[in-house]
Amino acid sequence: MKINPNTQLLHLTVAEYMELLKMIKSEEKVYVYGLKGLANILGCSRATASKIKSSGIIDEAIAQVGNVIVIDKFKVLELIAVKENEK
């Protein structure tokens, strides 16, 4: 369903409003922090998470400033899936 961006909120039906909410929620990013967070995503130890991070496979999903590591959860899973499909 395509909603005109110029439509006032009060003129939307309940179905249109719920669709907008779903679109907003699907765009939300989920971040985890540090090697512990990465290990939780991947279901591995911190040492293995560190090796994966150092390998460069998931560099696109990582932002690091000093010791602070911020990781986009869905991007990591996407990159790992792509790497697995290449094998």
PDB file of N, CA and C in Angstrom:
ATOM      1  N   MET A   1       0.849  -1.166   0.000  1.00  0.00           N
ATOM      2  CA  MET A   1       0.000   0.000   0.000  1.00  0.00           C
ATOM      3  C   MET A   1       0.901   1.237   0.000  1.00  0.00           C
ATOM      4  N   LYS A   2       0.686   2.110  -0.933  1.00  0.00           N
ATOM      5  CA  LYS A   2       1.473   3.343  -1.049  1.00  0.00           C
ATOM      6  C   LYS A   2       0.701   4.481  -0.395  1.00  0.00           C
ATOM      7  N   ILE A   3       1.352   5.168   0.531  1.00  0.00           N
ATOM      8  CA  ILE A   3       0.718   6.269   1.248  1.00  0.00           C
ATOM      9  C   ILE A   3       1.349   7.569   0.776  1.00  0.00           C
ATOM     10  N   ASN A   4       0.500   8.514   0.417  1.00  0.00           N
ATOM     11  CA  ASN A   4       0.969   9.825  -0.015  1.00  0.00           C
ATOM     12  C   ASN A   4       1.646  10.515   1.168  1.00  0.00           C
ATOM     13  N   PRO A   5       2.888  10.956   1.013  1.00  0.00           N
ATOM     14  CA  PRO A   5       3.587  11.585   2.136  1.00  0.00           C
ATOM     15  C   PRO A   5       2.968  12.909   2.582  1.00  0.00           C
ATOM     16  N   ASN A   6       2.120  13.493   1.747  1.00  0.00           N
ATOM     17  CA  ASN A   6       1.479  14.758   2.100  1.00  0.00           C
ATOM     18  C   ASN A   6       0.167  14.565   2.852  1.00  0.00           C
ATOM     19  N   THR A   7      -0.258  13.321   3.049  1.00  0.00           N
ATOM     20  CA  THR A   7      -1.495  13.038   3.769  1.00  0.00           C
ATOM     21  C   THR A   7      -1.320  13.363   5.244  1.00  0.00           C
ATOM     22  N   GLN A   8      -2.305  14.056   5.785  1.00  0.00           N
ATOM     23  CA  GLN A   8      -2.254  14.370   7.209  1.00  0.00           C
ATOM     24  C   GLN A   8      -2.510  13.105   8.010  1.00  0.00           C
ATOM     25  N   LEU A   9      -1.899  13.029   9.161  1.00  0.00           N
ATOM     26  CA  LEU A   9      -1.997  11.843  10.000  1.00  0.00           C
ATOM     27  C   LEU A   9      -3.442  11.532  10.377  1.00  0.00           C
ATOM     28  N   LEU A  10      -4.239  12.541  10.602  1.00  0.00           N
ATOM     29  CA  LEU A  10      -5.621  12.300  11.017  1.00  0.00           C
ATOM     30  C   LEU A  10      -6.485  11.743   9.898  1.00  0.00           C
ATOM     31  N   HIS A  11      -6.010  11.783   8.650  1.00  0.00           N
ATOM     32  CA  HIS A  11      -6.772  11.239   7.526  1.00  0.00           C
ATOM     33  C   HIS A  11      -6.389   9.803   7.177  1.00  0.00           C
ATOM     34  N   LEU A  12      -5.461   9.230   7.900  1.00  0.00           N
ATOM     35  CA  LEU A  12      -5.060   7.847   7.647  1.00  0.00           C
ATOM     36  C   LEU A  12      -6.042   6.880   8.292  1.00  0.00           C
ATOM     37  N   THR A  13      -6.223   5.740   7.645  1.00  0.00           N
ATOM     38  CA  THR A  13      -7.009   4.680   8.265  1.00  0.00           C
ATOM     39  C   THR A  13      -6.122   3.971   9.280  1.00  0.00           C
ATOM     40  N   VAL A  14      -6.725   3.146  10.094  1.00  0.00           N
ATOM     41  CA  VAL A  14      -5.955   2.394  11.086  1.00  0.00           C
ATOM     42  C   VAL A  14      -4.945   1.485  10.383  1.00  0.00           C
ATOM     43  N   ALA A  15      -5.360   0.852   9.289  1.00  0.00           N
ATOM     44  CA  ALA A  15      -4.468  -0.044   8.552  1.00  0.00           C
ATOM     45  C   ALA A  15      -3.264   0.717   7.991  1.00  0.00           C
ATOM     46  N   GLU A  16      -3.501   1.908   7.448  1.00  0.00           N
ATOM     47  CA  GLU A  16      -2.405   2.709   6.909  1.00  0.00           C
ATOM     48  C   GLU A  16      -1.447   3.142   8.017  1.00  0.00           C
ATOM     49  N   TYR A  17      -2.007   3.519   9.160  1.00  0.00           N
ATOM     50  CA  TYR A  17      -1.190   3.939  10.297  1.00  0.00           C
ATOM     51  C   TYR A  17      -0.334   2.776  10.805  1.00  0.00           C
ATOM     52  N   MET A  18      -0.931   1.588  10.891  1.00  0.00           N
ATOM     53  CA  MET A  18      -0.183   0.416  11.361  1.00  0.00           C
ATOM     54  C   MET A  18       0.929   0.056  10.376  1.00  0.00           C
ATOM     55  N   GLU A  19       0.668   0.230   9.089  1.00  0.00           N
ATOM     56  CA  GLU A  19       1.701  -0.036   8.088  1.00  0.00           C
ATOM     57  C   GLU A  19       2.871   0.934   8.261  1.00  0.00           C
ATOM     58  N   LEU A  20       2.570   2.192   8.545  1.00  0.00           N
ATOM     59  CA  LEU A  20       3.626   3.171   8.802  1.00  0.00           C
ATOM     60  C   LEU A  20       4.465   2.772  10.009  1.00  0.00           C
ATOM     61  N   LEU A  21       3.811   2.308  11.061  1.00  0.00           N
ATOM     62  CA  LEU A  21       4.536   1.881  12.261  1.00  0.00           C
ATOM     63  C   LEU A  21       5.454   0.703  11.964  1.00  0.00           C
ATOM     64  N   LYS A  22       4.974  -0.249  11.152  1.00  0.00           N
ATOM     65  CA  LYS A  22       5.801  -1.402  10.783  1.00  0.00           C
ATOM     66  C   LYS A  22       7.026  -0.959   9.992  1.00  0.00           C
ATOM     67  N   MET A  23       6.830   0.007   9.087  1.00  0.00           N
ATOM     68  CA  MET A  23       7.950   0.498   8.285  1.00  0.00           C
ATOM     69  C   MET A  23       8.989   1.165   9.175  1.00  0.00           C
ATOM     70  N   ILE A  24       8.543   1.920  10.154  1.00  0.00           N
ATOM     71  CA  ILE A  24       9.462   2.602  11.062  1.00  0.00           C
ATOM     72  C   ILE A  24      10.231   1.590  11.901  1.00  0.00           C
ATOM     73  N   LYS A  25       9.537   0.575  12.418  1.00  0.00           N
ATOM     74  CA  LYS A  25      10.199  -0.429  13.254  1.00  0.00           C
ATOM     75  C   LYS A  25      11.190  -1.259  12.454  1.00  0.00           C
ATOM     76  N   SER A  26      10.876  -1.529  11.185  1.00  0.00           N
ATOM     77  CA  SER A  26      11.794  -2.332  10.377  1.00  0.00           C
ATOM     78  C   SER A  26      13.069  -1.563  10.053  1.00  0.00           C
ATOM     79  N   GLU A  27      13.020  -0.233  10.106  1.00  0.00           N
ATOM     80  CA  GLU A  27      14.189   0.581   9.811  1.00  0.00           C
ATOM     81  C   GLU A  27      15.081   0.796  11.031  1.00  0.00           C
ATOM     82  N   GLU A  28      14.600   0.437  12.218  1.00  0.00           N
ATOM     83  CA  GLU A  28      15.394   0.636  13.426  1.00  0.00           C
ATOM     84  C   GLU A  28      16.614  -0.279  13.405  1.00  0.00           C
ATOM     85  N   LYS A  29      17.722   0.257  13.820  1.00  0.00           N
ATOM     86  CA  LYS A  29      18.944  -0.541  13.880  1.00  0.00           C
ATOM     87  C   LYS A  29      19.152  -1.016  15.306  1.00  0.00           C
ATOM     88  N   VAL A  30      19.718  -2.189  15.410  1.00  0.00           N
ATOM     89  CA  VAL A  30      20.031  -2.754  16.718  1.00  0.00           C
ATOM     90  C   VAL A  30      21.547  -2.828  16.823  1.00  0.00           C
ATOM     91  N   TYR A  31      22.072  -2.215  17.862  1.00  0.00           N
ATOM     92  CA  TYR A  31      23.514  -2.192  18.065  1.00  0.00           C
ATOM     93  C   TYR A  31      23.889  -2.999  19.299  1.00  0.00           C
ATOM     94  N   VAL A  32      25.040  -3.636  19.223  1.00  0.00           N
ATOM     95  CA  VAL A  32      25.634  -4.286  20.388  1.00  0.00           C
ATOM     96  C   VAL A  32      27.010  -3.670  20.570  1.00  0.00           C
ATOM     97  N   TYR A  33      27.544  -3.830  21.758  1.00  0.00           N
ATOM     98  CA  TYR A  33      28.787  -3.159  22.095  1.00  0.00           C
ATOM     99  C   TYR A  33      29.842  -4.158  22.547  1.00  0.00           C
ATOM    100  N   GLY A  34      31.035  -3.991  22.035  1.00  0.00           N
ATOM    101  CA  GLY A  34      32.176  -4.770  22.480  1.00  0.00           C
ATOM    102  C   GLY A  34      32.232  -6.179  21.922  1.00  0.00           C
ATOM    103  N   LEU A  35      33.315  -6.849  22.271  1.00  0.00           N
ATOM    104  CA  LEU A  35      33.503  -8.231  21.826  1.00  0.00           C
ATOM    105  C   LEU A  35      32.497  -9.166  22.478  1.00  0.00           C
ATOM    106  N   LYS A  36      32.087  -8.837  23.693  1.00  0.00           N
ATOM    107  CA  LYS A  36      31.087  -9.662  24.369  1.00  0.00           C
ATOM    108  C   LYS A  36      29.767  -9.634  23.591  1.00  0.00           C
ATOM    109  N   GLY A  37      29.364  -8.464  23.122  1.00  0.00           N
ATOM    110  CA  GLY A  37      28.148  -8.347  22.321  1.00  0.00           C
ATOM    111  C   GLY A  37      28.262  -9.110  21.015  1.00  0.00           C
ATOM    112  N   LEU A  38      29.420  -9.006  20.359  1.00  0.00           N
ATOM    113  CA  LEU A  38      29.648  -9.740  19.116  1.00  0.00           C
ATOM    114  C   LEU A  38      29.612 -11.240  19.367  1.00  0.00           C
ATOM    115  N   ALA A  39      30.216 -11.675  20.462  1.00  0.00           N
ATOM    116  CA  ALA A  39      30.209 -13.101  20.809  1.00  0.00           C
ATOM    117  C   ALA A  39      28.785 -13.594  21.048  1.00  0.00           C
ATOM    118  N   ASN A  40      27.945 -12.763  21.667  1.00  0.00           N
ATOM    119  CA  ASN A  40      26.552 -13.148  21.891  1.00  0.00           C
ATOM    120  C   ASN A  40      25.797 -13.296  20.578  1.00  0.00           C
ATOM    121  N   ILE A  41      26.033 -12.401  19.635  1.00  0.00           N
ATOM    122  CA  ILE A  41      25.369 -12.481  18.327  1.00  0.00           C
ATOM    123  C   ILE A  41      25.750 -13.771  17.615  1.00  0.00           C
ATOM    124  N   LEU A  42      27.042 -14.065  17.617  1.00  0.00           N
ATOM    125  CA  LEU A  42      27.552 -15.198  16.849  1.00  0.00           C
ATOM    126  C   LEU A  42      27.493 -16.516  17.608  1.00  0.00           C
ATOM    127  N   GLY A  43      27.243 -16.454  18.904  1.00  0.00           N
ATOM    128  CA  GLY A  43      27.184 -17.673  19.698  1.00  0.00           C
ATOM    129  C   GLY A  43      28.541 -18.334  19.827  1.00  0.00           C
ATOM    130  N   CYS A  44      29.563 -17.524  20.061  1.00  0.00           N
ATOM    131  CA  CYS A  44      30.919 -18.058  20.185  1.00  0.00           C
ATOM    132  C   CYS A  44      31.609 -17.392  21.371  1.00  0.00           C
ATOM    133  N   SER A  45      32.854 -17.761  21.592  1.00  0.00           N
ATOM    134  CA  SER A  45      33.619 -17.166  22.696  1.00  0.00           C
ATOM    135  C   SER A  45      34.122 -15.781  22.293  1.00  0.00           C
ATOM    136  N   ARG A  46      34.581 -15.025  23.290  1.00  0.00           N
ATOM    137  CA  ARG A  46      35.145 -13.700  23.000  1.00  0.00           C
ATOM    138  C   ARG A  46      36.406 -13.822  22.144  1.00  0.00           C
ATOM    139  N   ALA A  47      37.182 -14.867  22.381  1.00  0.00           N
ATOM    140  CA  ALA A  47      38.410 -15.063  21.601  1.00  0.00           C
ATOM    141  C   ALA A  47      38.080 -15.280  20.123  1.00  0.00           C
ATOM    142  N   THR A  48      37.069 -16.105  19.860  1.00  0.00           N
ATOM    143  CA  THR A  48      36.658 -16.347  18.479  1.00  0.00           C
ATOM    144  C   THR A  48      36.069 -15.083  17.868  1.00  0.00           C
ATOM    145  N   ALA A  49      35.284 -14.335  18.648  1.00  0.00           N
ATOM    146  CA  ALA A  49      34.717 -13.073  18.169  1.00  0.00           C
ATOM    147  C   ALA A  49      35.835 -12.102  17.806  1.00  0.00           C
ATOM    148  N   SER A  50      36.887 -12.082  18.604  1.00  0.00           N
ATOM    149  CA  SER A  50      38.031 -11.216  18.324  1.00  0.00           C
ATOM    150  C   SER A  50      38.723 -11.620  17.025  1.00  0.00           C
ATOM    151  N   LYS A  51      38.863 -12.923  16.796  1.00  0.00           N
ATOM    152  CA  LYS A  51      39.475 -13.408  15.558  1.00  0.00           C
ATOM    153  C   LYS A  51      38.635 -13.019  14.343  1.00  0.00           C
ATOM    154  N   ILE A  52      37.316 -13.163  14.466  1.00  0.00           N
ATOM    155  CA  ILE A  52      36.421 -12.811  13.359  1.00  0.00           C
ATOM    156  C   ILE A  52      36.501 -11.315  13.077  1.00  0.00           C
ATOM    157  N   LYS A  53      36.513 -10.512  14.139  1.00  0.00           N
ATOM    158  CA  LYS A  53      36.623  -9.058  13.984  1.00  0.00           C
ATOM    159  C   LYS A  53      37.938  -8.694  13.305  1.00  0.00           C
ATOM    160  N   SER A  54      39.014  -9.317  13.735  1.00  0.00           N
ATOM    161  CA  SER A  54      40.344  -9.024  13.184  1.00  0.00           C
ATOM    162  C   SER A  54      40.501  -9.494  11.743  1.00  0.00           C
ATOM    163  N   SER A  55      39.703 -10.484  11.334  1.00  0.00           N
ATOM    164  CA  SER A  55      39.817 -11.017   9.976  1.00  0.00           C
ATOM    165  C   SER A  55      39.351 -10.025   8.919  1.00  0.00           C
ATOM    166  N   GLY A  56      38.522  -9.054   9.320  1.00  0.00           N
ATOM    167  CA  GLY A  56      38.050  -8.053   8.367  1.00  0.00           C
ATOM    168  C   GLY A  56      36.753  -8.405   7.680  1.00  0.00           C
ATOM    169  N   ILE A  57      36.215  -9.581   7.960  1.00  0.00           N
ATOM    170  CA  ILE A  57      34.977 -10.027   7.321  1.00  0.00           C
ATOM    171  C   ILE A  57      33.814  -9.091   7.643  1.00  0.00           C
ATOM    172  N   ILE A  58      33.779  -8.591   8.858  1.00  0.00           N
ATOM    173  CA  ILE A  58      32.629  -7.799   9.307  1.00  0.00           C
ATOM    174  C   ILE A  58      32.972  -6.322   9.512  1.00  0.00           C
ATOM    175  N   ASP A  59      34.004  -5.841   8.851  1.00  0.00           N
ATOM    176  CA  ASP A  59      34.433  -4.447   9.031  1.00  0.00           C
ATOM    177  C   ASP A  59      33.332  -3.435   8.722  1.00  0.00           C
ATOM    178  N   GLU A  60      32.474  -3.734   7.737  1.00  0.00           N
ATOM    179  CA  GLU A  60      31.403  -2.808   7.360  1.00  0.00           C
ATOM    180  C   GLU A  60      30.387  -2.610   8.478  1.00  0.00           C
ATOM    181  N   ALA A  61      30.289  -3.559   9.389  1.00  0.00           N
ATOM    182  CA  ALA A  61      29.295  -3.499  10.460  1.00  0.00           C
ATOM    183  C   ALA A  61      29.857  -2.921  11.752  1.00  0.00           C
ATOM    184  N   ILE A  62      31.136  -2.596  11.759  1.00  0.00           N
ATOM    185  CA  ILE A  62      31.790  -2.168  13.001  1.00  0.00           C
ATOM    186  C   ILE A  62      32.219  -0.708  12.921  1.00  0.00           C
ATOM    187  N   ALA A  63      31.932   0.007  13.996  1.00  0.00           N
ATOM    188  CA  ALA A  63      32.466   1.362  14.172  1.00  0.00           C
ATOM    189  C   ALA A  63      33.259   1.330  15.470  1.00  0.00           C
ATOM    190  N   GLN A  64      34.520   1.698  15.396  1.00  0.00           N
ATOM    191  CA  GLN A  64      35.366   1.647  16.585  1.00  0.00           C
ATOM    192  C   GLN A  64      36.104   2.963  16.751  1.00  0.00           C
ATOM    193  N   VAL A  65      35.979   3.525  17.947  1.00  0.00           N
ATOM    194  CA  VAL A  65      36.724   4.729  18.309  1.00  0.00           C
ATOM    195  C   VAL A  65      37.456   4.404  19.599  1.00  0.00           C
ATOM    196  N   GLY A  66      38.766   4.290  19.511  1.00  0.00           N
ATOM    197  CA  GLY A  66      39.543   3.903  20.683  1.00  0.00           C
ATOM    198  C   GLY A  66      39.190   2.488  21.095  1.00  0.00           C
ATOM    199  N   ASN A  67      38.790   2.331  22.348  1.00  0.00           N
ATOM    200  CA  ASN A  67      38.427   1.009  22.860  1.00  0.00           C
ATOM    201  C   ASN A  67      36.949   0.693  22.707  1.00  0.00           C
ATOM    202  N   VAL A  68      36.153   1.656  22.269  1.00  0.00           N
ATOM    203  CA  VAL A  68      34.708   1.460  22.157  1.00  0.00           C
ATOM    204  C   VAL A  68      34.380   0.862  20.794  1.00  0.00           C
ATOM    205  N   ILE A  69      33.719  -0.292  20.819  1.00  0.00           N
ATOM    206  CA  ILE A  69      33.331  -0.981  19.592  1.00  0.00           C
ATOM    207  C   ILE A  69      31.807  -0.999  19.533  1.00  0.00           C
ATOM    208  N   VAL A  70      31.243  -0.467  18.438  1.00  0.00           N
ATOM    209  CA  VAL A  70      29.798  -0.476  18.227  1.00  0.00           C
ATOM    210  C   VAL A  70      29.538  -1.315  16.987  1.00  0.00           C
ATOM    211  N   ILE A  71      28.627  -2.291  17.112  1.00  0.00           N
ATOM    212  CA  ILE A  71      28.408  -3.259  16.046  1.00  0.00           C
ATOM    213  C   ILE A  71      26.938  -3.277  15.661  1.00  0.00           C
ATOM    214  N   ASP A  72      26.662  -3.159  14.352  1.00  0.00           N
ATOM    215  CA  ASP A  72      25.305  -3.264  13.816  1.00  0.00           C
ATOM    216  C   ASP A  72      24.963  -4.754  13.717  1.00  0.00           C
ATOM    217  N   LYS A  73      24.033  -5.193  14.546  1.00  0.00           N
ATOM    218  CA  LYS A  73      23.717  -6.619  14.674  1.00  0.00           C
ATOM    219  C   LYS A  73      23.278  -7.239  13.347  1.00  0.00           C
ATOM    220  N   PHE A  74      22.334  -6.606  12.657  1.00  0.00           N
ATOM    221  CA  PHE A  74      21.797  -7.197  11.435  1.00  0.00           C
ATOM    222  C   PHE A  74      22.820  -7.184  10.304  1.00  0.00           C
ATOM    223  N   LYS A  75      23.663  -6.172  10.268  1.00  0.00           N
ATOM    224  CA  LYS A  75      24.704  -6.101   9.237  1.00  0.00           C
ATOM    225  C   LYS A  75      25.732  -7.218   9.433  1.00  0.00           C
ATOM    226  N   VAL A  76      26.081  -7.503  10.689  1.00  0.00           N
ATOM    227  CA  VAL A  76      27.017  -8.599  10.975  1.00  0.00           C
ATOM    228  C   VAL A  76      26.446  -9.920  10.479  1.00  0.00           C
ATOM    229  N   LEU A  77      25.193 -10.174  10.809  1.00  0.00           N
ATOM    230  CA  LEU A  77      24.573 -11.433  10.397  1.00  0.00           C
ATOM    231  C   LEU A  77      24.497 -11.532   8.878  1.00  0.00           C
ATOM    232  N   GLU A  78      24.216 -10.414   8.224  1.00  0.00           N
ATOM    233  CA  GLU A  78      24.163 -10.386   6.767  1.00  0.00           C
ATOM    234  C   GLU A  78      25.540 -10.678   6.163  1.00  0.00           C
ATOM    235  N   LEU A  79      26.573 -10.052   6.695  1.00  0.00           N
ATOM    236  CA  LEU A  79      27.930 -10.263   6.177  1.00  0.00           C
ATOM    237  C   LEU A  79      28.413 -11.691   6.406  1.00  0.00           C
ATOM    238  N   ILE A  80      28.094 -12.246   7.560  1.00  0.00           N
ATOM    239  CA  ILE A  80      28.474 -13.639   7.849  1.00  0.00           C
ATOM    240  C   ILE A  80      27.749 -14.584   6.893  1.00  0.00           C
ATOM    241  N   ALA A  81      26.473 -14.312   6.626  1.00  0.00           N
ATOM    242  CA  ALA A  81      25.706 -15.155   5.704  1.00  0.00           C
ATOM    243  C   ALA A  81      26.296 -15.093   4.298  1.00  0.00           C
ATOM    244  N   VAL A  82      26.689 -13.915   3.851  1.00  0.00           N
ATOM    245  CA  VAL A  82      27.303 -13.766   2.530  1.00  0.00           C
ATOM    246  C   VAL A  82      28.603 -14.550   2.471  1.00  0.00           C
ATOM    247  N   LYS A  83      29.403 -14.456   3.526  1.00  0.00           N
ATOM    248  CA  LYS A  83      30.678 -15.177   3.570  1.00  0.00           C
ATOM    249  C   LYS A  83      30.450 -16.689   3.535  1.00  0.00           C
ATOM    250  N   GLU A  84      29.421 -17.163   4.245  1.00  0.00           N
ATOM    251  CA  GLU A  84      29.116 -18.599   4.264  1.00  0.00           C
ATOM    252  C   GLU A  84      28.653 -19.076   2.888  1.00  0.00           C
ATOM    253  N   ASN A  85      27.906 -18.234   2.159  1.00  0.00           N
ATOM    254  CA  ASN A  85      27.430 -18.610   0.828  1.00  0.00           C
ATOM    255  C   ASN A  85      28.557 -18.677  -0.191  1.00  0.00           C
ATOM    256  N   GLU A  86      29.632 -17.936   0.045  1.00  0.00           N
ATOM    257  CA  GLU A  86      30.771 -17.946  -0.869  1.00  0.00           C
ATOM    258  C   GLU A  86      31.569 -19.239  -0.778  1.00  0.00           C
ATOM    259  N   LYS A  87      31.485 -19.927   0.349  1.00  0.00           N
ATOM    260  CA  LYS A  87      32.278 -21.153   0.546  1.00  0.00           C
ATOM    261  C   LYS A  87      31.780 -22.282  -0.305  1.00  0.00           C
TER     262      LYS A  87
END
